[in-house]
N, C-alpha and C. Protein backbone atom coordinates (compact mmCIF):
# COMPACT_ATOMS: atom_id res chain seq x y z
N ILE A 1 14.09 -3.50 1.17
CA ILE A 1 15.49 -3.68 1.37
C ILE A 1 16.03 -2.34 1.15
N ALA A 2 15.81 -1.80 -0.11
CA ALA A 2 16.41 -0.51 -0.88
C ALA A 2 16.13 0.80 0.47
N PHE A 3 15.25 1.06 0.76
CA PHE A 3 14.77 2.01 1.70
C PHE A 3 15.59 1.86 3.18
N GLY A 4 15.88 0.62 3.67
CA GLY A 4 16.94 0.09 4.58
C GLY A 4 18.27 0.69 4.24
N CYS A 5 18.75 0.28 3.07
CA CYS A 5 19.66 0.55 2.85
C CYS A 5 19.95 2.15 2.52
N ILE A 6 19.04 3.06 1.90
CA ILE A 6 19.05 4.07 1.67
C ILE A 6 19.15 4.86 3.05
N THR A 7 18.29 4.60 4.04
CA THR A 7 17.89 5.28 5.67
C THR A 7 19.52 4.65 6.14
N PHE A 8 19.85 3.86 6.38
CA PHE A 8 21.01 3.57 6.92
C PHE A 8 22.40 4.51 6.57
N ILE A 9 22.46 4.53 5.06
CA ILE A 9 23.46 5.56 4.52
C ILE A 9 23.61 7.09 5.25
N ILE A 10 22.13 7.62 4.78
CA ILE A 10 21.61 8.65 5.48
C ILE A 10 21.76 9.03 6.79
N ALA A 11 21.49 7.84 7.67
CA ALA A 11 21.87 7.86 9.11
C ALA A 11 23.46 7.88 9.32
N ALA A 12 24.17 7.24 8.10
CA ALA A 12 25.76 7.14 8.60
C ALA A 12 26.61 8.38 8.40
N ILE A 13 25.88 9.25 7.33
CA ILE A 13 26.55 10.65 7.21
C ILE A 13 26.43 11.17 8.05
N GLY A 14 25.05 11.02 9.01
CA GLY A 14 24.73 12.11 9.89
C GLY A 14 26.00 11.75 10.79
N CYS A 15 25.76 10.44 10.99
CA CYS A 15 26.51 10.17 12.34
C CYS A 15 28.21 10.34 12.08
N PHE A 16 28.43 10.14 11.16
CA PHE A 16 29.90 10.30 11.11
C PHE A 16 30.25 11.84 10.99
N GLY A 17 29.28 12.61 10.64
CA GLY A 17 29.45 14.15 10.18
C GLY A 17 29.61 14.52 11.61
N ALA A 18 28.76 14.22 12.78
CA ALA A 18 29.00 14.94 14.32
C ALA A 18 30.01 13.92 14.91
N ILE A 19 30.71 12.93 14.81
CA ILE A 19 31.69 12.00 14.89
C ILE A 19 32.74 12.73 15.00
N LYS A 20 33.15 13.43 13.15
CA LYS A 20 34.13 13.88 13.08
C LYS A 20 33.89 15.54 12.98
N GLU A 21 32.92 15.60 13.38
CA GLU A 21 32.47 17.29 13.40
C GLU A 21 33.07 18.16 12.08
N SER A 22 32.73 17.49 10.85
CA SER A 22 33.16 17.70 9.59
C SER A 22 31.85 18.49 9.04
N PRO A 23 31.63 19.58 8.88
CA PRO A 23 30.66 20.72 8.57
C PRO A 23 30.31 19.82 7.31
N CYS A 24 30.95 19.52 6.66
CA CYS A 24 30.44 19.21 5.06
C CYS A 24 29.43 18.08 5.03
N LEU A 25 29.99 16.81 6.57
CA LEU A 25 29.12 16.30 6.17
C LEU A 25 27.58 16.05 6.99
N LEU A 26 27.54 17.40 7.72
CA LEU A 26 26.81 17.70 8.58
C LEU A 26 25.62 18.66 7.70
N PHE A 27 26.33 19.34 6.87
CA PHE A 27 25.46 19.81 6.19
C PHE A 27 24.61 19.05 4.90
N THR A 28 25.54 18.23 4.48
CA THR A 28 25.13 17.18 3.53
C THR A 28 23.45 16.63 4.14
N PHE A 29 24.05 15.95 5.49
CA PHE A 29 23.07 15.27 5.99
C PHE A 29 21.82 15.94 6.48
N ALA A 30 22.02 17.43 7.03
CA ALA A 30 21.05 18.85 6.86
C ALA A 30 20.08 18.79 5.79
N ALA A 31 21.09 18.74 4.54
CA ALA A 31 20.30 19.17 3.11
C ALA A 31 19.78 17.90 2.92
N ILE A 32 19.67 16.95 2.70
CA ILE A 32 19.17 15.51 2.48
C ILE A 32 17.58 15.17 3.70
N ILE A 33 17.80 15.76 4.68
CA ILE A 33 16.80 15.60 5.57
C ILE A 33 15.72 16.54 5.04
N ALA A 34 16.33 17.83 4.83
CA ALA A 34 15.46 18.90 4.43
C ALA A 34 14.66 18.61 3.11
N ILE A 35 15.27 17.84 2.27
CA ILE A 35 14.67 17.60 0.66
C ILE A 35 13.55 16.42 1.22
N LEU A 36 14.02 15.27 1.77
CA LEU A 36 12.91 14.53 2.33
C LEU A 36 12.13 14.94 3.26
N LEU A 37 11.97 16.00 3.48
CA LEU A 37 10.74 16.70 4.69
C LEU A 37 10.09 17.63 3.56
N ILE A 38 10.38 18.27 2.84
CA ILE A 38 9.84 18.81 1.59
C ILE A 38 9.05 18.02 0.82
N ALA A 39 9.53 16.66 0.21
CA ALA A 39 8.57 15.44 -0.44
C ALA A 39 7.73 14.94 0.22
N GLU A 40 8.02 14.90 1.67
CA GLU A 40 6.81 14.54 2.35
C GLU A 40 6.11 15.13 2.51
N ILE A 41 6.05 16.34 2.98
CA ILE A 41 5.19 17.43 2.78
C ILE A 41 4.35 17.65 1.43
N ALA A 42 5.14 17.82 0.29
CA ALA A 42 4.52 17.76 -1.07
C ALA A 42 3.57 16.56 -1.33
N ALA A 43 4.30 15.30 -0.90
CA ALA A 43 3.31 14.39 -1.25
C ALA A 43 1.83 14.18 -0.64
N GLY A 44 1.90 14.57 1.08
CA GLY A 44 0.96 14.42 1.68
C GLY A 44 0.21 15.85 0.76
N ALA A 45 0.07 17.04 0.68
CA ALA A 45 -0.64 18.17 -0.18
C ALA A 45 -1.37 17.29 -1.39
N ALA A 46 -0.26 16.47 -2.12
CA ALA A 46 -1.08 16.06 -2.98
C ALA A 46 -2.04 15.04 -2.78
N ALA A 47 -2.05 14.23 -2.33
CA ALA A 47 -2.65 13.40 -1.62
C ALA A 47 -3.78 13.80 -1.32
N PHE A 48 -4.04 15.06 -0.34
CA PHE A 48 -5.40 15.74 0.03
C PHE A 48 -5.83 16.66 -0.99
N VAL A 49 -5.30 16.85 -2.07
CA VAL A 49 -5.47 17.80 -3.17
C VAL A 49 -6.39 16.82 -3.58
N PHE A 50 -5.89 15.63 -4.21
CA PHE A 50 -6.34 14.32 -5.07
C PHE A 50 -6.91 13.44 -4.30
N ARG A 51 -7.27 13.43 -3.06
CA ARG A 51 -8.31 12.73 -2.51
C ARG A 51 -9.17 12.00 -3.09
N GLY A 52 -9.92 12.69 -3.88
CA GLY A 52 -11.21 12.32 -4.55
C GLY A 52 -10.92 11.56 -5.36
N GLN A 53 -10.23 11.38 -6.30
CA GLN A 53 -9.32 10.83 -7.31
C GLN A 53 -9.02 9.22 -6.69
N ILE A 54 -8.48 9.73 -5.67
CA ILE A 54 -7.81 8.52 -4.73
C ILE A 54 -8.84 7.75 -4.58
N GLU A 55 -9.64 7.74 -3.81
CA GLU A 55 -11.08 7.26 -3.25
C GLU A 55 -11.40 6.47 -4.72
N ALA A 56 -11.65 7.33 -5.54
CA ALA A 56 -12.71 6.99 -6.80
C ALA A 56 -11.99 5.53 -7.20
N GLU A 57 -10.37 5.52 -7.19
CA GLU A 57 -9.33 4.63 -7.69
C GLU A 57 -9.85 3.33 -7.05
N PHE A 58 -9.51 3.23 -5.19
CA PHE A 58 -9.79 2.51 -4.78
C PHE A 58 -11.07 1.78 -5.05
N ASP A 59 -12.10 2.49 -5.01
CA ASP A 59 -13.40 2.07 -5.14
C ASP A 59 -13.62 0.97 -6.48
N LYS A 60 -13.10 1.21 -7.34
CA LYS A 60 -12.71 0.71 -8.61
C LYS A 60 -12.19 -0.57 -8.61
N ASN A 61 -11.05 0.06 -8.26
CA ASN A 61 -10.22 -1.35 -8.17
C ASN A 61 -10.87 -2.33 -7.28
N ALA A 62 -11.18 -2.11 -6.10
CA ALA A 62 -11.94 -2.84 -4.81
C ALA A 62 -13.35 -3.88 -5.69
N ASP A 63 -14.18 -2.94 -6.51
CA ASP A 63 -15.10 -3.59 -7.61
C ASP A 63 -14.40 -4.25 -8.18
N THR A 64 -13.47 -4.41 -8.84
CA THR A 64 -12.89 -5.26 -10.03
C THR A 64 -12.46 -6.22 -9.25
N LEU A 65 -11.70 -6.63 -7.94
CA LEU A 65 -11.33 -7.37 -7.09
C LEU A 65 -12.75 -8.25 -6.58
N MET A 66 -13.44 -7.82 -6.29
CA MET A 66 -14.88 -8.35 -5.47
C MET A 66 -15.37 -9.17 -6.72
N GLU A 67 -15.30 -8.81 -8.37
CA GLU A 67 -15.77 -9.63 -9.42
C GLU A 67 -15.42 -10.69 -9.49
N GLN A 68 -13.88 -10.77 -9.03
CA GLN A 68 -13.04 -11.95 -9.19
C GLN A 68 -12.81 -12.72 -7.89
N TYR A 69 -13.56 -12.69 -6.94
CA TYR A 69 -13.64 -13.42 -6.01
C TYR A 69 -14.26 -14.66 -6.31
N ASP A 70 -14.01 -15.92 -5.79
CA ASP A 70 -14.74 -17.19 -6.52
C ASP A 70 -14.75 -17.93 -5.26
N GLY A 71 -14.04 -17.58 -3.97
CA GLY A 71 -14.53 -18.56 -3.11
C GLY A 71 -13.34 -20.15 -2.74
N GLY A 72 -12.54 -19.83 -4.10
CA GLY A 72 -11.74 -20.98 -4.23
C GLY A 72 -10.30 -20.57 -3.30
N ASP A 73 -9.24 -21.23 -4.04
CA ASP A 73 -7.94 -21.23 -3.40
C ASP A 73 -6.74 -19.54 -4.63
N ASN A 74 -7.08 -19.01 -4.93
CA ASN A 74 -6.65 -18.08 -6.23
C ASN A 74 -6.59 -16.65 -5.00
N ALA A 75 -5.17 -16.25 -5.19
CA ALA A 75 -4.41 -15.12 -4.73
C ALA A 75 -5.58 -13.98 -4.28
N ILE A 76 -6.42 -13.52 -5.47
CA ILE A 76 -7.79 -12.61 -4.58
C ILE A 76 -8.13 -13.24 -3.98
N THR A 77 -9.12 -14.26 -3.72
CA THR A 77 -9.42 -15.07 -2.73
C THR A 77 -9.24 -15.13 -1.44
N LYS A 78 -7.97 -15.38 -1.06
CA LYS A 78 -7.36 -15.45 -0.31
C LYS A 78 -7.02 -13.61 0.58
N SER A 79 -6.70 -12.96 -0.66
CA SER A 79 -6.30 -11.67 -0.14
C SER A 79 -7.72 -11.04 0.47
N TRP A 80 -8.51 -11.07 -0.24
CA TRP A 80 -9.66 -11.06 0.92
C TRP A 80 -10.00 -11.48 2.06
N ASP A 81 -9.93 -12.63 1.67
CA ASP A 81 -10.39 -13.31 3.31
C ASP A 81 -9.47 -12.89 4.46
N THR A 82 -8.29 -12.97 3.94
CA THR A 82 -7.37 -12.23 5.17
C THR A 82 -7.83 -10.85 5.09
N LEU A 83 -7.68 -10.31 4.53
CA LEU A 83 -8.37 -8.64 4.75
C LEU A 83 -9.38 -8.93 5.60
N GLN A 84 -10.78 -9.21 5.52
CA GLN A 84 -11.54 -9.50 6.06
C GLN A 84 -11.46 -10.10 7.74
N LYS A 85 -10.46 -11.05 7.87
CA LYS A 85 -10.51 -11.55 8.97
C LYS A 85 -9.57 -10.63 10.21
N LYS A 86 -8.48 -10.48 9.38
CA LYS A 86 -7.49 -9.25 10.30
C LYS A 86 -8.50 -8.02 10.18
N LEU A 87 -9.33 -7.52 9.46
CA LEU A 87 -9.80 -6.22 10.28
C LEU A 87 -11.13 -5.99 10.60
N GLU A 88 -11.32 -7.66 10.69
CA GLU A 88 -12.75 -7.59 11.23
C GLU A 88 -13.70 -7.01 10.28
N CYS A 89 -14.25 -7.21 9.08
CA CYS A 89 -15.08 -6.33 8.25
C CYS A 89 -15.54 -7.51 7.01
N CYS A 90 -16.55 -6.87 6.47
CA CYS A 90 -17.35 -7.77 5.16
C CYS A 90 -17.43 -6.76 4.20
N GLY A 91 -17.20 -7.22 3.23
CA GLY A 91 -17.19 -6.52 1.84
C GLY A 91 -16.32 -5.09 1.94
N TYR A 92 -16.86 -4.58 0.42
CA TYR A 92 -15.96 -2.94 0.73
C TYR A 92 -16.56 -2.15 1.54
N ASN A 93 -17.76 -1.68 1.19
CA ASN A 93 -19.15 -0.99 2.23
C ASN A 93 -19.65 -1.26 3.33
N SER A 94 -19.88 -2.71 2.95
CA SER A 94 -21.03 -3.60 3.83
C SER A 94 -20.63 -5.36 3.45
N ALA A 95 -21.34 -5.86 4.11
CA ALA A 95 -21.72 -7.32 3.97
C ALA A 95 -22.80 -7.21 2.63
N ASP A 96 -23.40 -6.68 2.33
CA ASP A 96 -24.57 -6.53 1.12
C ASP A 96 -23.59 -6.60 0.16
N ASP A 97 -22.19 -5.86 -0.15
CA ASP A 97 -22.00 -6.11 -1.54
C ASP A 97 -21.48 -7.35 -1.92
N TRP A 98 -21.40 -8.37 -1.01
CA TRP A 98 -21.14 -9.85 -1.44
C TRP A 98 -22.35 -10.49 -2.21
N LYS A 99 -23.71 -9.79 -1.52
CA LYS A 99 -25.18 -9.81 -1.91
C LYS A 99 -25.58 -9.43 -3.50
N ASN A 100 -24.62 -8.64 -3.67
CA ASN A 100 -24.94 -7.96 -5.17
C ASN A 100 -24.31 -8.53 -6.13
N GLU A 101 -24.98 -9.23 -7.31
CA GLU A 101 -24.42 -10.27 -8.39
C GLU A 101 -23.71 -9.36 -9.21
N THR A 102 -23.78 -8.18 -9.27
CA THR A 102 -23.38 -7.56 -10.10
C THR A 102 -21.58 -6.82 -9.49
N LEU A 103 -21.52 -6.88 -8.53
CA LEU A 103 -20.10 -6.72 -7.72
C LEU A 103 -19.55 -8.15 -7.64
N ALA A 104 -20.38 -9.08 -6.92
CA ALA A 104 -19.83 -10.44 -6.93
C ALA A 104 -20.30 -11.61 -7.56
N PRO A 105 -20.37 -11.54 -8.58
CA PRO A 105 -21.25 -12.65 -9.72
C PRO A 105 -20.74 -13.76 -9.35
N LEU A 106 -19.73 -14.36 -8.84
CA LEU A 106 -19.34 -15.62 -8.71
C LEU A 106 -19.57 -15.98 -7.10
N GLN A 107 -19.74 -14.95 -6.43
CA GLN A 107 -20.51 -15.63 -5.33
C GLN A 107 -21.98 -16.04 -5.35
N GLY A 108 -22.90 -15.59 -6.17
CA GLY A 108 -23.97 -16.22 -6.33
C GLY A 108 -25.05 -15.70 -5.06
N GLY A 109 -25.00 -14.39 -4.74
CA GLY A 109 -25.45 -13.30 -3.57
C GLY A 109 -24.90 -14.55 -2.43
N GLU A 110 -23.63 -15.21 -2.06
CA GLU A 110 -23.35 -15.82 -0.38
C GLU A 110 -22.78 -14.78 0.15
N ILE A 111 -22.43 -14.79 1.30
CA ILE A 111 -21.14 -13.72 1.94
C ILE A 111 -20.28 -15.10 2.40
N PRO A 112 -19.02 -14.60 2.19
CA PRO A 112 -18.16 -15.56 1.96
C PRO A 112 -18.03 -15.83 3.72
N GLU A 113 -17.17 -16.91 3.95
CA GLU A 113 -16.75 -17.43 5.59
C GLU A 113 -16.29 -16.84 5.96
N SER A 114 -15.40 -15.96 6.06
CA SER A 114 -14.26 -14.59 6.26
C SER A 114 -14.94 -13.59 6.88
N CYS A 115 -16.36 -13.31 6.62
CA CYS A 115 -17.01 -12.40 7.04
C CYS A 115 -17.46 -12.85 8.50
N GLY A 116 -17.69 -13.88 8.93
CA GLY A 116 -17.82 -14.41 10.21
C GLY A 116 -19.72 -13.94 10.37
N ASP A 117 -19.84 -13.02 11.29
CA ASP A 117 -20.90 -12.22 11.83
C ASP A 117 -20.91 -10.80 11.65
N ILE A 118 -19.68 -10.82 11.03
CA ILE A 118 -19.83 -8.99 10.85
C ILE A 118 -20.17 -8.33 9.54
N THR A 119 -20.70 -7.45 9.61
CA THR A 119 -21.72 -6.82 8.48
C THR A 119 -21.02 -5.42 8.23
N GLU A 120 -20.25 -4.53 9.18
CA GLU A 120 -19.53 -3.50 8.25
C GLU A 120 -18.43 -4.11 7.38
N GLY A 121 -18.67 -2.76 6.56
CA GLY A 121 -17.47 -3.04 5.60
C GLY A 121 -16.20 -2.11 6.35
N CYS A 122 -15.21 -3.14 5.16
CA CYS A 122 -13.85 -2.18 5.39
C CYS A 122 -13.49 -1.23 5.15
């Protein structure tokens, strides 16, 4: 909601600046857009530079969440089931992740029903 409000305000500045032909509003709009563009480029560059660390963090968090999957009615189980059904995948790297007693100790080597016949990882 906050991003929608901010976007609306920025768009309104640009719109009113164009309607009123106000150099001040148009300059303000252009400056805000330029700052946002620079921020997006910087964020993309940072993600590229730190991609290894980001991937390692995803791996660690996925492992932690797999350890907590119990096939019950908790939020983590529901999240994994929804993810696997919607993306038509199974496990983080492959369906073998669920068979790994270290990664998924509460599963007892069983593959969740949400995997179906799919063996490819998410």
